[in-house]
Amino acid sequence: MSTTIRADELLDNIVEDIFDAYPSLYERYGENGKIRTREDNQHHLNYLQTAYEADDIQLFNDYTLWLYELLSARGMNEKIIIDNYVRLIPLLEVYVDKKKYAFFKACLEEGIQVLHAEKNKDEDN
């Protein structure tokens, strides 16, 4: 993110997008759910930035697998992560430069593929 304000805007927009798409989330989790969703997305952005600085998409894949394992242990599935990643892709294009966007998009798309592969492995066992 070029500035904190821009990152804040991005986080506000992704949280709003998710809660608009799934009104039941607010009914179930309220404002605390929005706070947690914002924190989760801050983590996504932090890991995207770390992978970018290291020029290593695998760092983001490792984070995605860790997140999947964490959420699976809490009874959630990969769909929530995939949905979040899909929603981030077009928003990031507005908030980051073209070079960084291309890398972030590649990370998110590869992360989605990793999640699909992980789901298929789980179904095979």
Protein backbone atom coordinates (compact mmCIF):
# COMPACT_ATOMS: atom_id res chain seq x y z
CA MET A 1 0.00 0.00 0.00
CA SER A 2 1.31 3.39 -0.80
CA THR A 3 -0.09 5.00 2.35
CA THR A 4 -1.84 3.94 5.52
CA ILE A 5 -4.93 5.84 4.41
CA ARG A 6 -5.07 3.85 1.17
CA ALA A 7 -4.65 0.58 3.08
CA ASP A 8 -7.42 1.66 5.44
CA GLU A 9 -9.65 2.41 2.44
CA LEU A 10 -8.92 -1.00 0.96
CA LEU A 11 -9.68 -2.75 4.24
CA ASP A 12 -12.91 -0.77 4.67
CA ASN A 13 -13.96 -1.69 1.13
CA ILE A 14 -13.23 -5.41 1.43
CA VAL A 15 -15.07 -5.65 4.75
CA GLU A 16 -18.04 -3.77 3.31
CA ASP A 17 -18.01 -5.98 0.20
CA ILE A 18 -18.01 -9.19 2.24
CA PHE A 19 -20.71 -8.07 4.67
CA ASP A 20 -22.90 -6.73 1.84
CA ALA A 21 -22.64 -10.08 0.07
CA TYR A 22 -23.39 -12.05 3.25
CA PRO A 23 -25.77 -10.06 5.49
CA SER A 24 -26.13 -13.09 7.76
CA LEU A 25 -22.52 -12.54 8.86
CA TYR A 26 -23.53 -9.29 10.53
CA GLU A 27 -26.56 -10.93 12.11
CA ARG A 28 -24.33 -13.68 13.46
CA TYR A 29 -21.16 -11.78 14.40
CA GLY A 30 -22.10 -8.09 14.54
CA GLU A 31 -19.45 -5.38 14.68
CA ASN A 32 -16.95 -7.84 16.17
CA GLY A 33 -17.23 -9.84 12.95
CA LYS A 34 -16.34 -6.77 10.94
CA ILE A 35 -13.35 -6.10 13.19
CA ARG A 36 -12.13 -9.69 12.81
CA THR A 37 -12.66 -9.63 9.03
CA ARG A 38 -10.62 -6.43 8.83
CA GLU A 39 -7.84 -8.03 10.90
CA ASP A 40 -7.89 -11.14 8.71
CA ASN A 41 -7.55 -9.03 5.59
CA GLN A 42 -4.73 -7.04 7.13
CA HIS A 43 -2.94 -10.37 7.56
CA HIS A 44 -3.62 -11.24 3.91
CA LEU A 45 -2.14 -7.90 2.85
CA ASN A 46 0.86 -8.31 5.14
CA TYR A 47 1.65 -11.72 3.68
CA LEU A 48 1.17 -10.45 0.14
CA GLN A 49 3.62 -7.64 0.87
CA THR A 50 6.13 -10.02 2.47
CA ALA A 51 5.95 -12.35 -0.53
CA TYR A 52 6.37 -9.36 -2.86
CA GLU A 53 9.42 -8.06 -1.01
CA ALA A 54 10.98 -11.53 -1.08
CA ASP A 55 9.82 -12.11 -4.67
CA ASP A 56 8.54 -15.50 -3.52
CA ILE A 57 4.94 -16.54 -4.21
CA GLN A 58 5.53 -19.70 -2.17
CA LEU A 59 5.53 -17.58 1.01
CA PHE A 60 1.94 -16.63 0.29
CA ASN A 61 1.07 -20.24 -0.60
CA ASP A 62 2.48 -21.36 2.75
CA TYR A 63 0.39 -18.71 4.53
CA THR A 64 -2.69 -19.85 2.59
CA LEU A 65 -2.13 -23.49 3.62
CA TRP A 66 -1.61 -22.46 7.25
CA LEU A 67 -4.80 -20.39 7.15
CA TYR A 68 -6.71 -23.28 5.60
CA GLU A 69 -5.53 -25.65 8.35
CA LEU A 70 -6.42 -23.11 11.03
CA LEU A 71 -9.92 -22.49 9.70
CA SER A 72 -10.52 -26.20 8.99
CA ALA A 73 -9.76 -26.95 12.64
CA ARG A 74 -12.49 -24.42 13.52
CA GLY A 75 -15.05 -26.11 11.29
CA MET A 76 -14.76 -23.74 8.33
CA ASN A 77 -13.92 -24.71 4.78
CA GLU A 78 -11.81 -23.29 1.98
CA LYS A 79 -14.74 -21.45 0.39
CA ILE A 80 -14.48 -18.53 2.81
CA ILE A 81 -10.81 -17.99 1.94
CA ILE A 82 -11.42 -18.38 -1.79
CA ASP A 83 -14.29 -15.89 -1.66
CA ASN A 84 -12.11 -13.40 0.20
CA TYR A 85 -9.20 -13.80 -2.24
CA VAL A 86 -11.52 -13.42 -5.25
CA ARG A 87 -12.94 -10.21 -3.78
CA LEU A 88 -9.47 -8.81 -3.07
CA ILE A 89 -8.22 -9.14 -6.65
CA PRO A 90 -10.23 -6.31 -8.26
CA LEU A 91 -9.93 -4.07 -5.19
CA LEU A 92 -6.15 -4.34 -5.12
CA GLU A 93 -5.94 -3.06 -8.68
CA VAL A 94 -7.24 0.30 -7.43
CA TYR A 95 -4.85 0.55 -4.48
CA VAL A 96 -1.45 -0.69 -5.64
CA ASP A 97 0.82 0.02 -8.58
CA LYS A 98 0.70 -2.22 -11.66
CA LYS A 99 3.83 -4.23 -10.88
CA LYS A 100 2.76 -4.99 -7.32
CA TYR A 101 -0.80 -5.68 -8.45
CA ALA A 102 0.39 -8.26 -10.98
CA PHE A 103 2.38 -10.03 -8.25
CA PHE A 104 -0.45 -9.83 -5.69
CA LYS A 105 -2.96 -11.11 -8.24
CA ALA A 106 -0.67 -14.03 -9.11
CA CYS A 107 -0.32 -14.85 -5.40
CA LEU A 108 -4.06 -14.78 -4.81
CA GLU A 109 -4.83 -16.83 -7.92
CA GLU A 110 -2.19 -19.40 -7.00
CA GLY A 111 -3.49 -19.41 -3.42
CA ILE A 112 -6.95 -20.25 -4.76
CA GLN A 113 -5.48 -23.14 -6.77
CA VAL A 114 -3.64 -24.37 -3.67
CA LEU A 115 -6.94 -24.37 -1.77
CA HIS A 116 -8.72 -26.31 -4.51
CA ALA A 117 -5.90 -28.87 -4.51
CA GLU A 118 -6.02 -29.13 -0.72
CA LYS A 119 -9.78 -29.68 -0.79
CA ASN A 120 -9.36 -32.43 -3.38
CA LYS A 121 -6.70 -34.11 -1.22
CA ASP A 122 -9.04 -33.99 1.77
CA GLU A 123 -11.87 -35.53 -0.27
CA ASP A 124 -9.58 -38.34 -1.44
CA ASN A 125 -8.72 -39.33 2.15
